[in-house]
Amino acid sequence: MDLIAKACDYFLQGGPVMVPIVLDSLWMWAVIAERIFYFRRISRGDIDLKMAVEMLKGRQTEYSTDALRARIVARFVQEQTGDGELDQKLLDQYAMEERPVLKRNLALIAVLAAVAPLLGLLGTVTGMMNTFNVIAVFGTGNARGMASGISEALITTQCGLLVAIPGLFMSAFLSRRADRIENGLNEFLMTLKRII
């Protein structure tokens, strides 16, 4: 309970700019969590090339998972024309349709991470303005008033950086993960195109 009281006190010392910093952080982590769960869901229980060929031979259109490759192969089984060139274009189209879904919200994570230190800088400016206002009214004799403004400036800067640093790391991590999934899908579909 004491920890919660300290956190609330710390938040209040940061001034009004702490509200958008916290909202930015919550939004960013919600999007990060969604992407992590999405990547886990489409990778869990996915099929390999041998299973894909079995699905094609057996004309199996249902697969009990949200796995990316399985979903694409099941869709291909339903829409397959028998014309090799047209079927290859269908597979290319499926890969193109998945790309925006894989990359969805990754740029948003990077933007939210980049905005956090700017909000922290805004808090720094408002904190320093408060400090100068105290100096203008009371002179340099009111150390408590000056410390309050300086504290506000430093807390918002710190919080902005605490939001941004892991956010940028997660943005890069999730972008690499999306690229690996996309590259794996492209290799899988290229091999599948040679078989059909």
N, C-alpha and C. Protein backbone atom coordinates (compact mmCIF):
# COMPACT_ATOMS: atom_id res chain seq x y z
N MET A 1 0.83 -1.19 0.00
CA MET A 1 0.00 0.00 0.00
C MET A 1 0.87 1.25 0.00
N ASP A 2 1.98 1.17 0.73
CA ASP A 2 2.90 2.30 0.79
C ASP A 2 3.49 2.58 -0.60
N LEU A 3 3.73 1.53 -1.35
CA LEU A 3 4.27 1.67 -2.70
C LEU A 3 3.29 2.41 -3.61
N ILE A 4 2.01 2.10 -3.48
CA ILE A 4 0.98 2.77 -4.28
C ILE A 4 0.91 4.25 -3.93
N ALA A 5 1.00 4.55 -2.63
CA ALA A 5 0.97 5.96 -2.19
C ALA A 5 2.18 6.71 -2.74
N LYS A 6 3.35 6.06 -2.72
CA LYS A 6 4.55 6.70 -3.26
C LYS A 6 4.42 6.93 -4.76
N ALA A 7 3.86 5.95 -5.46
CA ALA A 7 3.68 6.09 -6.91
C ALA A 7 2.72 7.23 -7.23
N CYS A 8 1.64 7.33 -6.46
CA CYS A 8 0.68 8.43 -6.68
C CYS A 8 1.33 9.78 -6.39
N ASP A 9 2.12 9.85 -5.32
CA ASP A 9 2.82 11.09 -4.99
C ASP A 9 3.80 11.47 -6.09
N TYR A 10 4.52 10.49 -6.59
CA TYR A 10 5.47 10.71 -7.67
C TYR A 10 4.75 11.22 -8.92
N PHE A 11 3.62 10.60 -9.23
CA PHE A 11 2.81 11.01 -10.38
C PHE A 11 2.36 12.46 -10.23
N LEU A 12 1.89 12.81 -9.05
CA LEU A 12 1.41 14.19 -8.82
C LEU A 12 2.54 15.20 -8.89
N GLN A 13 3.73 14.83 -8.44
CA GLN A 13 4.88 15.73 -8.51
C GLN A 13 5.28 16.01 -9.96
N GLY A 14 4.96 15.10 -10.84
CA GLY A 14 5.30 15.28 -12.25
C GLY A 14 4.45 16.31 -12.95
N GLY A 15 3.35 16.69 -12.35
CA GLY A 15 2.51 17.73 -12.94
C GLY A 15 1.55 17.19 -13.98
N PRO A 16 0.86 18.10 -14.66
CA PRO A 16 -0.20 17.70 -15.59
C PRO A 16 0.28 16.94 -16.82
N VAL A 17 1.54 17.08 -17.18
CA VAL A 17 2.05 16.38 -18.37
C VAL A 17 2.17 14.88 -18.13
N MET A 18 2.12 14.47 -16.87
CA MET A 18 2.19 13.04 -16.57
C MET A 18 0.98 12.29 -17.13
N VAL A 19 -0.16 12.95 -17.22
CA VAL A 19 -1.37 12.29 -17.73
C VAL A 19 -1.17 11.81 -19.17
N PRO A 20 -0.74 12.69 -20.11
CA PRO A 20 -0.54 12.16 -21.46
C PRO A 20 0.60 11.15 -21.56
N ILE A 21 1.61 11.28 -20.70
CA ILE A 21 2.69 10.29 -20.72
C ILE A 21 2.15 8.91 -20.32
N VAL A 22 1.34 8.87 -19.28
CA VAL A 22 0.76 7.59 -18.83
C VAL A 22 -0.20 7.04 -19.88
N LEU A 23 -1.02 7.90 -20.47
CA LEU A 23 -1.94 7.44 -21.52
C LEU A 23 -1.18 6.91 -22.73
N ASP A 24 -0.10 7.60 -23.11
CA ASP A 24 0.75 7.15 -24.20
C ASP A 24 1.32 5.77 -23.89
N SER A 25 1.79 5.59 -22.68
CA SER A 25 2.36 4.31 -22.27
C SER A 25 1.32 3.19 -22.30
N LEU A 26 0.14 3.46 -21.75
CA LEU A 26 -0.91 2.45 -21.73
C LEU A 26 -1.32 2.04 -23.14
N TRP A 27 -1.48 3.02 -24.01
CA TRP A 27 -1.85 2.75 -25.40
C TRP A 27 -0.77 1.91 -26.08
N MET A 28 0.49 2.34 -25.90
CA MET A 28 1.60 1.65 -26.55
C MET A 28 1.68 0.19 -26.08
N TRP A 29 1.56 -0.05 -24.77
CA TRP A 29 1.68 -1.41 -24.26
C TRP A 29 0.48 -2.27 -24.63
N ALA A 30 -0.68 -1.66 -24.79
CA ALA A 30 -1.85 -2.41 -25.27
C ALA A 30 -1.62 -2.90 -26.70
N VAL A 31 -1.06 -2.04 -27.54
CA VAL A 31 -0.78 -2.42 -28.93
C VAL A 31 0.33 -3.47 -28.97
N ILE A 32 1.35 -3.31 -28.14
CA ILE A 32 2.43 -4.29 -28.08
C ILE A 32 1.88 -5.66 -27.67
N ALA A 33 1.03 -5.69 -26.66
CA ALA A 33 0.44 -6.96 -26.21
C ALA A 33 -0.39 -7.59 -27.31
N GLU A 34 -1.16 -6.78 -28.03
CA GLU A 34 -1.97 -7.31 -29.13
C GLU A 34 -1.09 -7.95 -30.20
N ARG A 35 0.02 -7.30 -30.56
CA ARG A 35 0.92 -7.84 -31.57
C ARG A 35 1.59 -9.12 -31.09
N ILE A 36 2.01 -9.16 -29.83
CA ILE A 36 2.65 -10.37 -29.30
C ILE A 36 1.68 -11.55 -29.36
N PHE A 37 0.46 -11.34 -28.90
CA PHE A 37 -0.53 -12.42 -28.92
C PHE A 37 -0.89 -12.81 -30.35
N TYR A 38 -0.96 -11.85 -31.27
CA TYR A 38 -1.26 -12.15 -32.67
C TYR A 38 -0.15 -13.02 -33.27
N PHE A 39 1.11 -12.62 -33.08
CA PHE A 39 2.22 -13.40 -33.64
C PHE A 39 2.27 -14.80 -33.03
N ARG A 40 1.98 -14.90 -31.76
CA ARG A 40 1.97 -16.22 -31.11
C ARG A 40 0.84 -17.07 -31.69
N ARG A 41 -0.32 -16.46 -31.88
CA ARG A 41 -1.49 -17.20 -32.38
C ARG A 41 -1.26 -17.72 -33.80
N ILE A 42 -0.68 -16.91 -34.69
CA ILE A 42 -0.51 -17.36 -36.07
C ILE A 42 0.66 -18.31 -36.24
N SER A 43 1.53 -18.40 -35.23
CA SER A 43 2.68 -19.29 -35.32
C SER A 43 2.43 -20.63 -34.64
N ARG A 44 1.54 -20.65 -33.68
CA ARG A 44 1.28 -21.86 -32.90
C ARG A 44 0.56 -22.90 -33.76
N GLY A 45 1.12 -24.10 -33.80
CA GLY A 45 0.47 -25.20 -34.51
C GLY A 45 0.48 -25.04 -36.02
N ASP A 46 1.42 -24.27 -36.55
CA ASP A 46 1.43 -24.07 -38.00
C ASP A 46 1.93 -25.32 -38.70
N ILE A 47 1.65 -25.40 -39.98
CA ILE A 47 1.97 -26.60 -40.75
C ILE A 47 3.30 -26.44 -41.47
N ASP A 48 3.90 -27.58 -41.79
CA ASP A 48 5.10 -27.56 -42.61
C ASP A 48 4.71 -27.92 -44.04
N LEU A 49 5.69 -28.03 -44.91
CA LEU A 49 5.42 -28.28 -46.32
C LEU A 49 4.76 -29.64 -46.54
N LYS A 50 5.19 -30.64 -45.79
CA LYS A 50 4.61 -31.98 -45.93
C LYS A 50 3.11 -31.96 -45.60
N MET A 51 2.75 -31.28 -44.52
CA MET A 51 1.33 -31.19 -44.15
C MET A 51 0.55 -30.38 -45.18
N ALA A 52 1.19 -29.37 -45.75
CA ALA A 52 0.51 -28.57 -46.78
C ALA A 52 0.20 -29.42 -48.00
N VAL A 53 1.15 -30.25 -48.40
CA VAL A 53 0.93 -31.13 -49.56
C VAL A 53 -0.20 -32.12 -49.25
N GLU A 54 -0.23 -32.64 -48.04
CA GLU A 54 -1.32 -33.55 -47.65
C GLU A 54 -2.67 -32.83 -47.69
N MET A 55 -2.70 -31.58 -47.26
CA MET A 55 -3.94 -30.80 -47.32
C MET A 55 -4.38 -30.61 -48.77
N LEU A 56 -3.40 -30.35 -49.66
CA LEU A 56 -3.73 -30.14 -51.07
C LEU A 56 -4.24 -31.43 -51.71
N LYS A 57 -3.57 -32.55 -51.41
CA LYS A 57 -3.98 -33.82 -51.99
C LYS A 57 -5.35 -34.26 -51.47
N GLY A 58 -5.58 -34.06 -50.20
CA GLY A 58 -6.84 -34.48 -49.60
C GLY A 58 -7.94 -33.44 -49.72
N ARG A 59 -7.62 -32.32 -50.37
CA ARG A 59 -8.58 -31.22 -50.54
C ARG A 59 -9.16 -30.80 -49.18
N GLN A 60 -8.31 -30.83 -48.18
CA GLN A 60 -8.72 -30.47 -46.82
C GLN A 60 -8.78 -28.95 -46.70
N THR A 61 -9.96 -28.42 -46.40
CA THR A 61 -10.14 -26.97 -46.35
C THR A 61 -10.26 -26.44 -44.93
N GLU A 62 -10.29 -27.34 -43.97
CA GLU A 62 -10.41 -26.86 -42.59
C GLU A 62 -9.21 -27.32 -41.80
N TYR A 63 -8.74 -26.40 -40.99
CA TYR A 63 -7.62 -26.70 -40.12
C TYR A 63 -7.93 -26.07 -38.78
N SER A 64 -7.68 -26.76 -37.71
CA SER A 64 -8.17 -26.35 -36.39
C SER A 64 -7.28 -25.32 -35.70
N THR A 65 -6.76 -24.39 -36.44
CA THR A 65 -5.90 -23.39 -35.83
C THR A 65 -5.97 -22.09 -36.63
N ASP A 66 -5.50 -21.03 -36.02
CA ASP A 66 -5.39 -19.74 -36.71
C ASP A 66 -4.04 -19.60 -37.39
N ALA A 67 -3.28 -20.68 -37.43
CA ALA A 67 -1.93 -20.64 -37.98
C ALA A 67 -1.94 -20.09 -39.40
N LEU A 68 -0.97 -19.25 -39.68
CA LEU A 68 -0.92 -18.50 -40.93
C LEU A 68 -0.84 -19.40 -42.16
N ARG A 69 0.14 -20.29 -42.19
CA ARG A 69 0.32 -21.15 -43.37
C ARG A 69 -0.89 -22.06 -43.57
N ALA A 70 -1.38 -22.62 -42.49
CA ALA A 70 -2.54 -23.53 -42.59
C ALA A 70 -3.75 -22.80 -43.14
N ARG A 71 -3.95 -21.59 -42.69
CA ARG A 71 -5.09 -20.79 -43.16
C ARG A 71 -4.96 -20.49 -44.65
N ILE A 72 -3.75 -20.16 -45.09
CA ILE A 72 -3.53 -19.85 -46.51
C ILE A 72 -3.72 -21.09 -47.37
N VAL A 73 -3.18 -22.22 -46.93
CA VAL A 73 -3.32 -23.45 -47.72
C VAL A 73 -4.78 -23.87 -47.78
N ALA A 74 -5.50 -23.77 -46.67
CA ALA A 74 -6.93 -24.12 -46.68
C ALA A 74 -7.70 -23.22 -47.64
N ARG A 75 -7.36 -21.95 -47.66
CA ARG A 75 -8.02 -21.03 -48.59
C ARG A 75 -7.66 -21.38 -50.03
N PHE A 76 -6.40 -21.73 -50.24
CA PHE A 76 -5.95 -22.09 -51.59
C PHE A 76 -6.66 -23.34 -52.09
N VAL A 77 -6.86 -24.31 -51.20
CA VAL A 77 -7.57 -25.53 -51.59
C VAL A 77 -8.97 -25.19 -52.08
N GLN A 78 -9.63 -24.24 -51.43
CA GLN A 78 -10.98 -23.84 -51.84
C GLN A 78 -10.99 -23.11 -53.17
N GLU A 79 -9.96 -22.29 -53.43
CA GLU A 79 -9.98 -21.41 -54.60
C GLU A 79 -9.07 -21.89 -55.73
N GLN A 80 -8.42 -23.02 -55.55
CA GLN A 80 -7.48 -23.54 -56.54
C GLN A 80 -8.19 -23.77 -57.87
N THR A 81 -7.54 -23.34 -58.97
CA THR A 81 -8.17 -23.43 -60.29
C THR A 81 -7.68 -24.63 -61.10
N GLY A 82 -6.48 -25.11 -60.81
CA GLY A 82 -5.90 -26.17 -61.63
C GLY A 82 -4.96 -25.62 -62.69
N ASP A 83 -5.05 -24.34 -62.96
CA ASP A 83 -4.14 -23.66 -63.88
C ASP A 83 -2.92 -23.23 -63.06
N GLY A 84 -1.77 -23.83 -63.36
CA GLY A 84 -0.56 -23.59 -62.58
C GLY A 84 -0.18 -22.13 -62.43
N GLU A 85 -0.23 -21.40 -63.54
CA GLU A 85 0.16 -19.98 -63.49
C GLU A 85 -0.82 -19.17 -62.65
N LEU A 86 -2.10 -19.42 -62.83
CA LEU A 86 -3.12 -18.70 -62.06
C LEU A 86 -3.05 -19.07 -60.58
N ASP A 87 -2.78 -20.34 -60.30
CA ASP A 87 -2.67 -20.77 -58.90
C ASP A 87 -1.46 -20.12 -58.22
N GLN A 88 -0.37 -19.96 -58.96
CA GLN A 88 0.79 -19.27 -58.39
C GLN A 88 0.46 -17.81 -58.08
N LYS A 89 -0.30 -17.19 -58.95
CA LYS A 89 -0.72 -15.80 -58.70
C LYS A 89 -1.64 -15.72 -57.48
N LEU A 90 -2.47 -16.74 -57.30
CA LEU A 90 -3.33 -16.78 -56.11
C LEU A 90 -2.48 -16.81 -54.83
N LEU A 91 -1.45 -17.66 -54.83
CA LEU A 91 -0.58 -17.74 -53.65
C LEU A 91 0.14 -16.42 -53.40
N ASP A 92 0.58 -15.77 -54.49
CA ASP A 92 1.21 -14.45 -54.35
C ASP A 92 0.23 -13.44 -53.76
N GLN A 93 -1.00 -13.51 -54.21
CA GLN A 93 -2.04 -12.60 -53.71
C GLN A 93 -2.27 -12.82 -52.22
N TYR A 94 -2.31 -14.08 -51.78
CA TYR A 94 -2.52 -14.38 -50.37
C TYR A 94 -1.39 -13.79 -49.52
N ALA A 95 -0.16 -13.93 -50.02
CA ALA A 95 0.99 -13.37 -49.29
C ALA A 95 0.89 -11.85 -49.21
N MET A 96 0.48 -11.22 -50.31
CA MET A 96 0.32 -9.76 -50.33
C MET A 96 -0.77 -9.31 -49.36
N GLU A 97 -1.82 -10.10 -49.23
CA GLU A 97 -2.91 -9.75 -48.32
C GLU A 97 -2.49 -9.88 -46.86
N GLU A 98 -1.57 -10.78 -46.58
CA GLU A 98 -1.13 -10.98 -45.19
C GLU A 98 -0.13 -9.93 -44.74
N ARG A 99 0.62 -9.34 -45.67
CA ARG A 99 1.66 -8.38 -45.30
C ARG A 99 1.12 -7.23 -44.44
N PRO A 100 0.03 -6.53 -44.85
CA PRO A 100 -0.44 -5.44 -44.00
C PRO A 100 -0.93 -5.91 -42.63
N VAL A 101 -1.45 -7.13 -42.57
CA VAL A 101 -1.92 -7.66 -41.28
C VAL A 101 -0.73 -7.92 -40.37
N LEU A 102 0.36 -8.45 -40.93
CA LEU A 102 1.56 -8.69 -40.14
C LEU A 102 2.17 -7.38 -39.63
N LYS A 103 2.14 -6.35 -40.46
CA LYS A 103 2.79 -5.07 -40.12
C LYS A 103 1.86 -4.11 -39.37
N ARG A 104 0.60 -4.50 -39.19
CA ARG A 104 -0.38 -3.61 -38.57
C ARG A 104 0.10 -3.11 -37.20
N ASN A 105 -0.01 -1.82 -37.00
CA ASN A 105 0.28 -1.14 -35.73
C ASN A 105 1.75 -1.11 -35.33
N LEU A 106 2.65 -1.66 -36.14
CA LEU A 106 4.06 -1.60 -35.78
C LEU A 106 4.58 -0.17 -35.86
N ALA A 107 4.14 0.58 -36.85
CA ALA A 107 4.54 1.99 -36.94
C ALA A 107 3.94 2.79 -35.79
N LEU A 108 2.73 2.43 -35.38
CA LEU A 108 2.09 3.12 -34.26
C LEU A 108 2.90 2.95 -32.98
N ILE A 109 3.43 1.75 -32.75
CA ILE A 109 4.25 1.52 -31.56
C ILE A 109 5.48 2.43 -31.59
N ALA A 110 6.12 2.53 -32.75
CA ALA A 110 7.30 3.39 -32.87
C ALA A 110 6.95 4.85 -32.64
N VAL A 111 5.80 5.28 -33.16
CA VAL A 111 5.38 6.68 -32.98
C VAL A 111 5.08 6.96 -31.51
N LEU A 112 4.36 6.05 -30.86
CA LEU A 112 4.04 6.25 -29.44
C LEU A 112 5.31 6.27 -28.59
N ALA A 113 6.27 5.43 -28.94
CA ALA A 113 7.55 5.44 -28.21
C ALA A 113 8.31 6.74 -28.45
N ALA A 114 8.23 7.26 -29.66
CA ALA A 114 8.94 8.51 -29.98
C ALA A 114 8.26 9.73 -29.35
N VAL A 115 6.95 9.66 -29.15
CA VAL A 115 6.22 10.79 -28.57
C VAL A 115 6.50 10.92 -27.08
N ALA A 116 6.75 9.82 -26.39
CA ALA A 116 6.93 9.85 -24.94
C ALA A 116 8.04 10.79 -24.47
N PRO A 117 9.25 10.75 -25.05
CA PRO A 117 10.26 11.70 -24.58
C PRO A 117 9.93 13.15 -24.94
N LEU A 118 9.16 13.33 -26.02
CA LEU A 118 8.74 14.70 -26.35
C LEU A 118 7.77 15.22 -25.30
N LEU A 119 6.89 14.35 -24.84
CA LEU A 119 6.00 14.74 -23.74
C LEU A 119 6.81 15.01 -22.48
N GLY A 120 7.83 14.19 -22.25
CA GLY A 120 8.72 14.43 -21.11
C GLY A 120 9.42 15.77 -21.23
N LEU A 121 9.82 16.11 -22.44
CA LEU A 121 10.46 17.41 -22.66
C LEU A 121 9.47 18.55 -22.42
N LEU A 122 8.23 18.35 -22.82
CA LEU A 122 7.20 19.35 -22.53
C LEU A 122 7.05 19.54 -21.03
N GLY A 123 7.08 18.44 -20.29
CA GLY A 123 7.03 18.53 -18.83
C GLY A 123 8.24 19.23 -18.26
N THR A 124 9.40 19.03 -18.89
CA THR A 124 10.61 19.73 -18.47
C THR A 124 10.43 21.23 -18.63
N VAL A 125 9.90 21.62 -19.77
CA VAL A 125 9.69 23.05 -20.04
C VAL A 125 8.70 23.64 -19.05
N THR A 126 7.58 22.96 -18.81
CA THR A 126 6.60 23.51 -17.87
C THR A 126 7.16 23.55 -16.46
N GLY A 127 7.93 22.54 -16.07
CA GLY A 127 8.56 22.55 -14.74
C GLY A 127 9.54 23.69 -14.58
N MET A 128 10.34 23.94 -15.61
CA MET A 128 11.30 25.05 -15.54
C MET A 128 10.58 26.39 -15.56
N MET A 129 9.48 26.48 -16.30
CA MET A 129 8.70 27.72 -16.28
C MET A 129 8.15 27.98 -14.88
N ASN A 130 7.68 26.93 -14.22
CA ASN A 130 7.21 27.08 -12.84
C ASN A 130 8.33 27.54 -11.92
N THR A 131 9.52 26.99 -12.13
CA THR A 131 10.68 27.40 -11.33
C THR A 131 10.98 28.87 -11.54
N PHE A 132 10.98 29.32 -12.79
CA PHE A 132 11.26 30.73 -13.07
C PHE A 132 10.16 31.64 -12.54
N ASN A 133 8.92 31.16 -12.55
CA ASN A 133 7.83 31.95 -11.96
C ASN A 133 8.05 32.14 -10.46
N VAL A 134 8.49 31.09 -9.78
CA VAL A 134 8.78 31.19 -8.34
C VAL A 134 9.91 32.17 -8.11
N ILE A 135 10.95 32.09 -8.93
CA ILE A 135 12.08 33.02 -8.80
C ILE A 135 11.62 34.45 -9.04
N ALA A 136 10.75 34.65 -10.03
CA ALA A 136 10.27 36.00 -10.34
C ALA A 136 9.46 36.58 -9.19
N VAL A 137 8.69 35.75 -8.51
CA VAL A 137 7.83 36.24 -7.43
C VAL A 137 8.58 36.35 -6.11
N PHE A 138 9.34 35.31 -5.74
CA PHE A 138 9.96 35.25 -4.42
C PHE A 138 11.47 35.46 -4.44
N GLY A 139 12.06 35.52 -5.60
CA GLY A 139 13.52 35.58 -5.68
C GLY A 139 14.10 34.19 -5.46
N THR A 140 15.36 34.13 -5.22
CA THR A 140 16.01 32.82 -5.04
C THR A 140 15.91 32.32 -3.61
N GLY A 141 15.19 33.03 -2.76
CA GLY A 141 15.08 32.65 -1.36
C GLY A 141 14.08 31.53 -1.10
N ASN A 142 13.23 31.18 -2.04
CA ASN A 142 12.22 30.13 -1.83
C ASN A 142 12.70 28.83 -2.47
N ALA A 143 13.56 28.12 -1.76
CA ALA A 143 14.14 26.89 -2.31
C ALA A 143 13.08 25.81 -2.52
N ARG A 144 12.09 25.75 -1.64
CA ARG A 144 11.05 24.73 -1.75
C ARG A 144 10.25 24.92 -3.05
N GLY A 145 9.88 26.14 -3.36
CA GLY A 145 9.14 26.42 -4.58
C GLY A 145 9.96 26.11 -5.83
N MET A 146 11.25 26.46 -5.78
CA MET A 146 12.12 26.16 -6.93
C MET A 146 12.31 24.65 -7.09
N ALA A 147 12.47 23.95 -5.98
CA ALA A 147 12.67 22.50 -6.03
C ALA A 147 11.45 21.80 -6.62
N SER A 148 10.27 22.31 -6.33
CA SER A 148 9.05 21.71 -6.87
C SER A 148 9.04 21.77 -8.40
N GLY A 149 9.40 22.92 -8.96
CA GLY A 149 9.44 23.06 -10.42
C GLY A 149 10.52 22.21 -11.05
N ILE A 150 11.68 22.16 -10.41
CA ILE A 150 12.78 21.35 -10.94
C ILE A 150 12.41 19.87 -10.85
N SER A 151 11.77 19.48 -9.76
CA SER A 151 11.33 18.09 -9.60
C SER A 151 10.34 17.71 -10.70
N GLU A 152 9.39 18.60 -10.98
CA GLU A 152 8.43 18.35 -12.05
C GLU A 152 9.15 18.14 -13.38
N ALA A 153 10.15 19.00 -13.63
CA ALA A 153 10.89 18.91 -14.89
C ALA A 153 11.61 17.57 -15.01
N LEU A 154 12.25 17.14 -13.95
CA LEU A 154 13.03 15.91 -14.02
C LEU A 154 12.15 14.65 -14.03
N ILE A 155 11.07 14.68 -13.29
CA ILE A 155 10.18 13.51 -13.25
C ILE A 155 9.56 13.25 -14.61
N THR A 156 9.09 14.29 -15.28
CA THR A 156 8.47 14.07 -16.59
C THR A 156 9.50 13.61 -17.62
N THR A 157 10.70 14.16 -17.54
CA THR A 157 11.76 13.71 -18.45
C THR A 157 12.06 12.24 -18.22
N GLN A 158 12.20 11.87 -16.96
CA GLN A 158 12.49 10.49 -16.62
C GLN A 158 11.37 9.56 -17.09
N CYS A 159 10.14 9.92 -16.82
CA CYS A 159 9.01 9.07 -17.21
C CYS A 159 8.90 8.95 -18.73
N GLY A 160 9.14 10.05 -19.44
CA GLY A 160 9.11 9.99 -20.89
C GLY A 160 10.14 9.01 -21.43
N LEU A 161 11.34 9.03 -20.84
CA LEU A 161 12.38 8.10 -21.27
C LEU A 161 12.06 6.67 -20.85
N LEU A 162 11.47 6.50 -19.67
CA LEU A 162 11.10 5.16 -19.21
C LEU A 162 10.03 4.53 -20.09
N VAL A 163 9.21 5.34 -20.71
CA VAL A 163 8.22 4.83 -21.65
C VAL A 163 8.88 4.56 -23.00
N ALA A 164 9.73 5.47 -23.45
CA ALA A 164 10.29 5.40 -24.80
C ALA A 164 11.29 4.26 -25.00
N ILE A 165 12.17 4.05 -24.05
CA ILE A 165 13.25 3.09 -24.25
C ILE A 165 12.72 1.67 -24.46
N PRO A 166 11.89 1.12 -23.57
CA PRO A 166 11.37 -0.22 -23.86
C PRO A 166 10.42 -0.24 -25.06
N GLY A 167 9.74 0.89 -25.30
CA GLY A 167 8.85 0.96 -26.46
C GLY A 167 9.61 0.85 -27.77
N LEU A 168 10.75 1.54 -27.86
CA LEU A 168 11.57 1.45 -29.07
C LEU A 168 12.15 0.05 -29.23
N PHE A 169 12.56 -0.54 -28.12
CA PHE A 169 13.07 -1.92 -28.17
C PHE A 169 11.99 -2.87 -28.68
N MET A 170 10.79 -2.76 -28.12
CA MET A 170 9.69 -3.65 -28.54
C MET A 170 9.29 -3.39 -29.98
N SER A 171 9.35 -2.14 -30.41
CA SER A 171 9.04 -1.81 -31.81
C SER A 171 10.01 -2.53 -32.75
N ALA A 172 11.30 -2.46 -32.43
CA ALA A 172 12.30 -3.13 -33.26
C ALA A 172 12.14 -4.65 -33.19
N PHE A 173 11.89 -5.18 -32.00
CA PHE A 173 11.72 -6.62 -31.82
C PHE A 173 10.53 -7.13 -32.62
N LEU A 174 9.40 -6.45 -32.51
CA LEU A 174 8.19 -6.89 -33.21
C LEU A 174 8.32 -6.71 -34.72
N SER A 175 9.01 -5.68 -35.16
CA SER A 175 9.24 -5.50 -36.61
C SER A 175 10.08 -6.63 -37.16
N ARG A 176 11.14 -7.00 -36.42
CA ARG A 176 11.96 -8.14 -36.85
C ARG A 176 11.15 -9.43 -36.86
N ARG A 177 10.31 -9.59 -35.86
CA ARG A 177 9.46 -10.80 -35.80
C ARG A 177 8.52 -10.86 -37.00
N ALA A 178 7.91 -9.74 -37.34
CA ALA A 178 7.01 -9.69 -38.51
C ALA A 178 7.78 -9.99 -39.78
N ASP A 179 9.00 -9.45 -39.90
CA ASP A 179 9.82 -9.72 -41.09
C ASP A 179 10.17 -11.20 -41.19
N ARG A 180 10.53 -11.82 -40.05
CA ARG A 180 10.86 -13.25 -40.08
C ARG A 180 9.65 -14.09 -40.48
N ILE A 181 8.48 -13.74 -39.95
CA ILE A 181 7.27 -14.49 -40.32
C ILE A 181 6.98 -14.30 -41.80
N GLU A 182 7.10 -13.07 -42.28
CA GLU A 182 6.83 -12.80 -43.70
C GLU A 182 7.83 -13.52 -44.60
N ASN A 183 9.11 -13.49 -44.24
CA ASN A 183 10.12 -14.18 -45.05
C ASN A 183 9.89 -15.69 -45.04
N GLY A 184 9.54 -16.24 -43.87
CA GLY A 184 9.23 -17.67 -43.79
C GLY A 184 8.03 -18.04 -44.64
N LEU A 185 7.02 -17.17 -44.63
CA LEU A 185 5.83 -17.42 -45.45
C LEU A 185 6.18 -17.37 -46.93
N ASN A 186 6.99 -16.40 -47.33
CA ASN A 186 7.38 -16.28 -48.74
C ASN A 186 8.17 -17.50 -49.20
N GLU A 187 9.10 -17.98 -48.36
CA GLU A 187 9.87 -19.18 -48.71
C GLU A 187 8.95 -20.40 -48.81
N PHE A 188 8.04 -20.51 -47.87
CA PHE A 188 7.07 -21.62 -47.86
C PHE A 188 6.24 -21.61 -49.14
N LEU A 189 5.73 -20.43 -49.51
CA LEU A 189 4.88 -20.33 -50.70
C LEU A 189 5.67 -20.55 -51.99
N MET A 190 6.94 -20.11 -52.02
CA MET A 190 7.76 -20.35 -53.22
C MET A 190 7.98 -21.85 -53.41
N THR A 191 8.24 -22.55 -52.33
CA THR A 191 8.41 -24.00 -52.42
C THR A 191 7.10 -24.67 -52.82
N LEU A 192 6.01 -24.21 -52.25
CA LEU A 192 4.69 -24.76 -52.57
C LEU A 192 4.35 -24.53 -54.04
N LYS A 193 4.74 -23.38 -54.58
CA LYS A 193 4.45 -23.07 -55.99
C LYS A 193 5.18 -24.04 -56.92
N ARG A 194 6.35 -24.50 -56.52
CA ARG A 194 7.08 -25.45 -57.36
C ARG A 194 6.38 -26.81 -57.38
N ILE A 195 5.68 -27.10 -56.30
CA ILE A 195 5.02 -28.41 -56.18
C ILE A 195 3.71 -28.46 -56.95
N ILE A 196 2.95 -27.37 -56.94
CA ILE A 196 1.62 -27.40 -57.56
C ILE A 196 1.66 -27.37 -59.07
